[in-house]
Amino acid sequence: MGCGAARPSLPPPPRRAPLIRPSLRPHCHRGYQ
C-alpha cells in the first residue's frame, strides 16, 4: 500500500510489477518482499 501513497497518480502496481522493474519502484520492491 506504501507504493500507492508514494505515487497517487499511478494505480496500485501488481505484485509482479516490482519484481520486473525494481529499479523504477525500489520502495515498492522492499514493501512487497
PDB file of N, CA and C in Angstrom:
ATOM      1  N   MET A   1       0.839  -1.204   0.000  1.00  0.00           N
ATOM      2  CA  MET A   1       0.000   0.000   0.000  1.00  0.00           C
ATOM      3  C   MET A   1       0.880   1.263   0.000  1.00  0.00           C
ATOM      4  N   GLY A   2       2.094   1.107   0.488  1.00  0.00           N
ATOM      5  CA  GLY A   2       3.004   2.247   0.545  1.00  0.00           C
ATOM      6  C   GLY A   2       3.288   2.787  -0.856  1.00  0.00           C
ATOM      7  N   CYS A   3       3.216   1.892  -1.849  1.00  0.00           N
ATOM      8  CA  CYS A   3       3.505   2.317  -3.221  1.00  0.00           C
ATOM      9  C   CYS A   3       2.450   3.312  -3.697  1.00  0.00           C
ATOM     10  N   GLY A   4       1.186   3.009  -3.454  1.00  0.00           N
ATOM     11  CA  GLY A   4       0.104   3.892  -3.893  1.00  0.00           C
ATOM     12  C   GLY A   4       0.235   5.277  -3.279  1.00  0.00           C
ATOM     13  N   ALA A   5       0.622   5.335  -2.016  1.00  0.00           N
ATOM     14  CA  ALA A   5       0.757   6.619  -1.331  1.00  0.00           C
ATOM     15  C   ALA A   5       1.900   7.425  -1.947  1.00  0.00           C
ATOM     16  N   ALA A   6       2.944   6.716  -2.378  1.00  0.00           N
ATOM     17  CA  ALA A   6       4.108   7.392  -2.952  1.00  0.00           C
ATOM     18  C   ALA A   6       3.769   7.956  -4.334  1.00  0.00           C
ATOM     19  N   ARG A   7       2.993   7.201  -5.119  1.00  0.00           N
ATOM     20  CA  ARG A   7       2.637   7.669  -6.461  1.00  0.00           C
ATOM     21  C   ARG A   7       1.120   7.585  -6.659  1.00  0.00           C
ATOM     22  N   PRO A   8       0.382   8.579  -6.144  1.00  0.00           N
ATOM     23  CA  PRO A   8      -1.078   8.582  -6.253  1.00  0.00           C
ATOM     24  C   PRO A   8      -1.537   8.725  -7.706  1.00  0.00           C
ATOM     25  N   SER A   9      -0.667   9.268  -8.561  1.00  0.00           N
ATOM     26  CA  SER A   9      -1.027   9.474  -9.964  1.00  0.00           C
ATOM     27  C   SER A   9      -1.134   8.138 -10.700  1.00  0.00           C
ATOM     28  N   LEU A  10      -0.422   7.127 -10.197  1.00  0.00           N
ATOM     29  CA  LEU A  10      -0.455   5.816 -10.841  1.00  0.00           C
ATOM     30  C   LEU A  10      -1.284   4.838 -10.015  1.00  0.00           C
ATOM     31  N   PRO A  11      -1.950   3.889 -10.680  1.00  0.00           N
ATOM     32  CA  PRO A  11      -2.757   2.884  -9.979  1.00  0.00           C
ATOM     33  C   PRO A  11      -1.860   1.938  -9.192  1.00  0.00           C
ATOM     34  N   PRO A  12      -2.410   1.203  -8.224  1.00  0.00           N
ATOM     35  CA  PRO A  12      -1.619   0.269  -7.424  1.00  0.00           C
ATOM     36  C   PRO A  12      -0.978  -0.791  -8.310  1.00  0.00           C
ATOM     37  N   PRO A  13       0.349  -0.846  -8.371  1.00  0.00           N
ATOM     38  CA  PRO A  13       1.055  -1.802  -9.220  1.00  0.00           C
ATOM     39  C   PRO A  13       0.847  -3.235  -8.748  1.00  0.00           C
ATOM     40  N   PRO A  14       0.758  -4.203  -9.677  1.00  0.00           N
ATOM     41  CA  PRO A  14       0.593  -5.614  -9.322  1.00  0.00           C
ATOM     42  C   PRO A  14       1.811  -6.142  -8.589  1.00  0.00           C
ATOM     43  N   ARG A  15       1.685  -7.325  -7.981  1.00  0.00           N
ATOM     44  CA  ARG A  15       2.804  -7.869  -7.202  1.00  0.00           C
ATOM     45  C   ARG A  15       3.992  -8.211  -8.101  1.00  0.00           C
ATOM     46  N   ARG A  16       3.738  -8.497  -9.361  1.00  0.00           N
ATOM     47  CA  ARG A  16       4.842  -8.881 -10.246  1.00  0.00           C
ATOM     48  C   ARG A  16       5.509  -7.644 -10.847  1.00  0.00           C
ATOM     49  N   ALA A  17       4.893  -6.488 -10.733  1.00  0.00           N
ATOM     50  CA  ALA A  17       5.486  -5.259 -11.284  1.00  0.00           C
ATOM     51  C   ALA A  17       6.832  -4.941 -10.630  1.00  0.00           C
ATOM     52  N   PRO A  18       6.893  -4.877  -9.290  1.00  0.00           N
ATOM     53  CA  PRO A  18       8.160  -4.551  -8.622  1.00  0.00           C
ATOM     54  C   PRO A  18       9.240  -5.595  -8.907  1.00  0.00           C
ATOM     55  N   LEU A  19       8.823  -6.809  -9.198  1.00  0.00           N
ATOM     56  CA  LEU A  19       9.799  -7.864  -9.488  1.00  0.00           C
ATOM     57  C   LEU A  19      10.383  -7.656 -10.888  1.00  0.00           C
ATOM     58  N   ILE A  20       9.564  -7.130 -11.801  1.00  0.00           N
ATOM     59  CA  ILE A  20      10.015  -6.915 -13.175  1.00  0.00           C
ATOM     60  C   ILE A  20      10.848  -5.630 -13.274  1.00  0.00           C
ATOM     61  N   ARG A  21      10.377  -4.572 -12.594  1.00  0.00           N
ATOM     62  CA  ARG A  21      11.113  -3.302 -12.659  1.00  0.00           C
ATOM     63  C   ARG A  21      11.394  -2.769 -11.257  1.00  0.00           C
ATOM     64  N   PRO A  22      12.273  -3.419 -10.520  1.00  0.00           N
ATOM     65  CA  PRO A  22      12.598  -2.990  -9.157  1.00  0.00           C
ATOM     66  C   PRO A  22      13.289  -1.630  -9.151  1.00  0.00           C
ATOM     67  N   SER A  23      13.936  -1.275 -10.270  1.00  0.00           N
ATOM     68  CA  SER A  23      14.666  -0.013 -10.342  1.00  0.00           C
ATOM     69  C   SER A  23      13.693   1.169 -10.390  1.00  0.00           C
ATOM     70  N   LEU A  24      12.500   0.945 -10.966  1.00  0.00           N
ATOM     71  CA  LEU A  24      11.523   2.030 -11.067  1.00  0.00           C
ATOM     72  C   LEU A  24      10.823   2.255  -9.730  1.00  0.00           C
ATOM     73  N   ARG A  25      10.554   1.162  -8.999  1.00  0.00           N
ATOM     74  CA  ARG A  25       9.864   1.323  -7.717  1.00  0.00           C
ATOM     75  C   ARG A  25      10.614   0.581  -6.610  1.00  0.00           C
ATOM     76  N   PRO A  26      11.795   1.073  -6.239  1.00  0.00           N
ATOM     77  CA  PRO A  26      12.595   0.406  -5.203  1.00  0.00           C
ATOM     78  C   PRO A  26      11.865   0.368  -3.867  1.00  0.00           C
ATOM     79  N   HIS A  27      11.102   1.418  -3.559  1.00  0.00           N
ATOM     80  CA  HIS A  27      10.372   1.449  -2.292  1.00  0.00           C
ATOM     81  C   HIS A  27       9.272   0.387  -2.296  1.00  0.00           C
ATOM     82  N   CYS A  28       8.685   0.151  -3.467  1.00  0.00           N
ATOM     83  CA  CYS A  28       7.639  -0.865  -3.570  1.00  0.00           C
ATOM     84  C   CYS A  28       8.246  -2.259  -3.426  1.00  0.00           C
ATOM     85  N   HIS A  29       9.371  -2.448  -4.090  1.00  0.00           N
ATOM     86  CA  HIS A  29      10.018  -3.759  -4.074  1.00  0.00           C
ATOM     87  C   HIS A  29      10.292  -4.187  -2.631  1.00  0.00           C
ATOM     88  N   ARG A  30      10.768  -3.245  -1.817  1.00  0.00           N
ATOM     89  CA  ARG A  30      11.094  -3.574  -0.428  1.00  0.00           C
ATOM     90  C   ARG A  30       9.818  -3.904   0.340  1.00  0.00           C
ATOM     91  N   GLY A  31       8.728  -3.212   0.017  1.00  0.00           N
ATOM     92  CA  GLY A  31       7.480  -3.451   0.741  1.00  0.00           C
ATOM     93  C   GLY A  31       6.893  -4.810   0.395  1.00  0.00           C
ATOM     94  N   TYR A  32       6.993  -5.199  -0.886  1.00  0.00           N
ATOM     95  CA  TYR A  32       6.416  -6.480  -1.293  1.00  0.00           C
ATOM     96  C   TYR A  32       7.252  -7.647  -0.810  1.00  0.00           C
ATOM     97  N   GLN A  33       8.571  -7.461  -0.772  1.00  0.00           N
ATOM     98  CA  GLN A  33       9.447  -8.565  -0.361  1.00  0.00           C
ATOM     99  C   GLN A  33       9.113  -9.013   1.054  1.00  0.00           C
TER     100      GLN A  33
END
